[in-house]
Amino acid sequence: MKAATGLPVIVKLTPNTGDIVGVARAVAGAGADAVSLINSVKGMAIDIAKRRPVFSNITAGLSGPAIKPIALALVYEVAGAVDIPIIGLGGIATASDALEFLMAGAGAVQVGSATYRNPRVALDILEGIERFMEKEGIKKLSDIIGAARPAGKA
């Protein structure tokens, strides 16, 4: 992709693989400018009356708050393995959620499912981060990124 475009290449990583850290290292080594993680987690529902899977493709993606702990853990792991920027996503609905992802090592966050409930949620999250930084006396967002990681491992 890098050879085909002058644009930044951001690779979205799935938790539905055995080794997301290995995949992150591979795409970083191949020249990706950043990674975003994670997308939806494989899930399923069964219609008990029909005794059949609800979705025609058998499985579907679980997203939203239910996947936040999975997404956060994977962002933390990948942040310790690659030197390219990480965009964290998966269950972010509040400023606290976003701050957790930033402290885990994400340099940016993305909000998805929460926008269905509150189209203004991204602005609410931004304002919440600003309030947190003011309360804590933090001047630069970069001082938050990787703050929960071992020293020197942001």
Protein backbone atom coordinates (compact mmCIF):
# COMPACT_ATOMS: atom_id res chain seq x y z
CA MET A 1 0.00 0.00 0.00
CA LYS A 2 2.78 2.43 0.83
CA ALA A 3 4.15 2.11 -2.69
CA ALA A 4 0.72 2.76 -4.20
CA THR A 5 -0.09 5.98 -2.35
CA GLY A 6 1.47 9.03 -0.83
CA LEU A 7 -1.22 9.01 1.84
CA PRO A 8 -0.74 7.71 5.38
CA VAL A 9 -1.55 4.02 5.77
CA ILE A 10 -3.41 3.10 8.95
CA VAL A 11 -4.06 -0.60 9.43
CA LYS A 12 -7.04 -1.65 11.55
CA LEU A 13 -6.25 -4.76 13.57
CA THR A 14 -8.75 -7.39 14.61
CA PRO A 15 -8.89 -9.19 17.94
CA ASN A 16 -10.08 -12.25 16.02
CA THR A 17 -6.55 -13.43 15.36
CA GLY A 18 -4.23 -15.51 17.45
CA ASP A 19 -1.38 -13.01 17.65
CA ILE A 20 -2.36 -9.36 17.34
CA VAL A 21 1.06 -8.25 18.59
CA GLY A 22 2.76 -10.25 15.83
CA VAL A 23 0.41 -8.78 13.25
CA ALA A 24 1.09 -5.27 14.59
CA ARG A 25 4.85 -5.84 14.33
CA ALA A 26 4.45 -7.16 10.79
CA VAL A 27 2.42 -4.19 9.55
CA ALA A 28 4.78 -1.74 11.28
CA GLY A 29 7.70 -3.53 9.61
CA ALA A 30 5.92 -3.30 6.26
CA GLY A 31 5.75 0.47 6.58
CA ALA A 32 2.32 1.20 8.06
CA ASP A 33 2.15 4.72 9.47
CA ALA A 34 -0.15 3.71 12.34
CA VAL A 35 -2.41 0.96 13.60
CA SER A 36 -5.93 1.19 14.94
CA LEU A 37 -7.33 -1.44 17.23
CA ILE A 38 -9.66 -3.11 17.72
CA ASN A 39 -12.61 -3.82 15.50
CA SER A 40 -15.58 -5.87 16.65
CA VAL A 41 -15.17 -9.14 18.50
CA LYS A 42 -16.62 -12.29 16.94
CA GLY A 43 -19.98 -13.07 18.50
CA MET A 44 -23.18 -14.96 17.92
CA ALA A 45 -26.87 -15.10 18.82
CA ILE A 46 -29.32 -17.97 18.39
CA ASP A 47 -33.06 -17.63 17.82
CA ILE A 48 -34.32 -20.19 20.36
CA ALA A 49 -37.75 -20.45 18.71
CA LYS A 50 -36.26 -21.28 15.31
CA ARG A 51 -33.26 -23.10 16.78
CA ARG A 52 -31.04 -21.30 14.30
CA PRO A 53 -28.35 -18.64 14.38
CA VAL A 54 -29.85 -15.17 14.05
CA PHE A 55 -27.32 -13.99 11.48
CA SER A 56 -27.09 -15.52 8.04
CA ASN A 57 -23.31 -15.65 8.24
CA ILE A 58 -23.53 -17.49 11.61
CA THR A 59 -21.43 -14.96 13.52
CA ALA A 60 -21.42 -11.22 13.79
CA GLY A 61 -19.44 -8.55 15.55
CA LEU A 62 -19.86 -7.54 19.17
CA SER A 63 -19.00 -3.90 19.76
CA GLY A 64 -19.55 -1.17 22.31
CA PRO A 65 -18.86 -1.18 26.06
CA ALA A 66 -18.75 -4.98 26.25
CA ILE A 67 -15.46 -5.11 24.34
CA LYS A 68 -13.68 -2.23 26.11
CA PRO A 69 -11.61 -4.43 28.49
CA ILE A 70 -10.47 -6.56 25.55
CA ALA A 71 -9.63 -3.53 23.41
CA LEU A 72 -7.81 -1.78 26.25
CA ALA A 73 -5.67 -4.84 27.00
CA LEU A 74 -4.74 -5.24 23.34
CA VAL A 75 -3.85 -1.56 22.95
CA TYR A 76 -1.61 -1.89 26.02
CA GLU A 77 0.10 -4.98 24.59
CA VAL A 78 0.61 -3.52 21.12
CA ALA A 79 1.89 -0.21 22.52
CA GLY A 80 4.73 -2.13 24.11
CA ALA A 81 5.60 -3.84 20.85
CA VAL A 82 5.57 -1.20 18.09
CA ASP A 83 6.96 2.28 17.59
CA ILE A 84 4.22 3.59 15.33
CA PRO A 85 1.17 5.52 16.56
CA ILE A 86 -1.84 3.61 17.86
CA ILE A 87 -5.47 4.67 17.54
CA GLY A 88 -7.48 2.99 20.29
CA LEU A 89 -11.11 2.04 19.85
CA GLY A 90 -13.61 -0.36 21.25
CA GLY A 91 -16.19 0.61 23.83
CA ILE A 92 -15.15 4.22 24.33
CA ALA A 93 -18.19 6.14 25.62
CA THR A 94 -16.79 8.54 28.24
CA ALA A 95 -13.78 10.72 28.89
CA SER A 96 -12.59 8.17 31.46
CA ASP A 97 -12.72 5.45 28.80
CA ALA A 98 -10.69 7.59 26.41
CA LEU A 99 -8.18 8.47 29.11
CA GLU A 100 -7.64 4.78 29.85
CA PHE A 101 -6.80 4.12 26.20
CA LEU A 102 -4.44 7.10 26.09
CA MET A 103 -2.72 5.99 29.30
CA ALA A 104 -2.40 2.47 27.85
CA GLY A 105 -0.39 3.91 24.96
CA ALA A 106 -2.84 5.05 22.29
CA GLY A 107 -1.97 8.41 20.78
CA ALA A 108 -5.55 8.95 19.63
CA VAL A 109 -8.95 7.38 20.18
CA GLN A 110 -11.98 6.69 18.04
CA VAL A 111 -15.61 6.64 19.15
CA GLY A 112 -18.05 4.37 17.36
CA SER A 113 -21.07 2.68 18.91
CA ALA A 114 -21.56 5.38 21.56
CA THR A 115 -22.51 7.85 18.82
CA TYR A 116 -25.74 5.92 18.22
CA ARG A 117 -26.89 6.83 21.71
CA ASN A 118 -25.39 10.32 21.80
CA PRO A 119 -24.31 12.00 18.55
CA ARG A 120 -22.44 14.59 20.66
CA VAL A 121 -20.42 12.00 22.58
CA ALA A 122 -17.09 12.84 20.92
CA LEU A 123 -17.39 16.45 22.05
CA ASP A 124 -18.43 15.33 25.54
CA ILE A 125 -15.34 13.11 25.70
CA LEU A 126 -13.06 15.92 24.53
CA GLU A 127 -14.50 18.31 27.12
CA GLY A 128 -14.10 15.64 29.81
CA ILE A 129 -10.45 15.13 28.90
CA GLU A 130 -9.89 18.88 29.06
CA ARG A 131 -11.51 19.01 32.54
CA PHE A 132 -9.34 16.09 33.71
CA MET A 133 -6.18 17.76 32.45
CA GLU A 134 -7.07 21.06 34.09
CA LYS A 135 -7.92 19.36 37.42
CA GLU A 136 -4.68 17.35 37.33
CA GLY A 137 -2.51 20.28 36.18
CA ILE A 138 -1.55 18.49 32.96
CA LYS A 139 -0.55 20.93 30.22
CA LYS A 140 0.04 18.58 27.27
CA LEU A 141 -1.94 15.57 26.10
CA SER A 142 1.37 13.86 25.34
CA ASP A 143 1.97 13.70 29.11
CA ILE A 144 -1.01 11.33 29.39
CA ILE A 145 -0.10 9.02 26.52
CA GLY A 146 1.45 5.84 27.92
CA ALA A 147 1.22 7.10 31.52
CA ALA A 148 0.04 3.66 32.73
CA ARG A 149 2.92 1.89 31.03
CA PRO A 150 6.28 1.04 32.63
CA ALA A 151 8.75 3.92 32.41
CA GLY A 152 10.20 4.29 28.93
CA LYS A 153 7.64 1.96 27.33
CA ALA A 154 5.08 4.48 25.99
